[in-house]
């Protein structure tokens, strides 16, 4: 984002210097001002989503801005296709209004002046954003509106998301082909081609992420921590790694988590399997499991009974490889994030395993 902001500042500063006759330092200040105006437009666009979402009782966690766009993070999905469509189209509506205001300002201000040129550029950029954003494919706002329509038709939000995601990938491919054609016809500069290809890459990645998330969400009901968590095989504190591995053979450790218990038998720590494996075999009889363990108090915990969505949100909030699973005050097992990934994305995990 910062590199792109610097690039736009330099390019627009050069334009202001050559076309408007401004001195070099001031010309690049004008270029920076144009970048700030673009960021302001993006912010207002996202505020359109945020205000509309809150109007319908959907909480907003935050807004992330980038020069090419931004996104509004909400605390839950829209409750109905109608609300989903209204929230989605609020942003392009704001951009269209901004484009109209900037167009009026461009006509009212004198030609070939700094204010007039910035107004013209803002008018063009906001209108383009409004029109491009309503194209029917995720992650564009029009893709969310398409999802709302398919959702209303199929009564399945996840299937609708997959449909809108593939539509977004189609739009990305068409946009890239059009950009190459215009470049071959000398109707588009190399800078313009690279900029559009960056947009195409962003669209493709966003569409793929939407498809992936929809497929994961469809499998959320399968998440049951009581069965997904691995039971614990506890050894007393001070036990050597070699002795712990002798007591629990390799096949058992593949199905269970290795834990450390105090003198009363209460589990107090979990052994880090990777750290234990990194200890040379010759030293394992002399190295205690305590040295390759993490205290339970330092590990994120999840309680039995959380829904699939709640489990995924907990993992996103506290990324890690292992999570303590509790039932009341009792530790019932350990959740390995790899097990969760295999349940939610079996095809992705299988492809990675095949690639290795």
Foldseek 3Di string as FASTA:
>chain_A
DVVVLQVQLVVQLVCCCPQLVDDNVVSSVLSNVLLVVLQVLLVQLQVLLQVLCVVVPWAWPDWATDSVHTHTHTPDDDPALVSQLNSLLSSLVSLQVLLVVLVVQLVVDDPSDSSNVSSNVSNVVSPVLSVVLLQCAPPRSVVSNQLSVVCVVVVQSLVSLLVRLVSLLVVLVVQLVVLVVCVVVVNADPVRNVVSNVVSVVSNVRSVVSNLVSLLVVLQQVDFCLPQFAFEDEDEFPQFLVVQCVVQPPVRCVRAWYFYAYPVRATFWTADPVQSVPPDPVCRNPHTSVVRIDTLVPAAEDEGPDTSVRVVVSCVVPPDQKYFYDHVPHTGGIHGVVSVCCSSPVPVVVVVVVVD
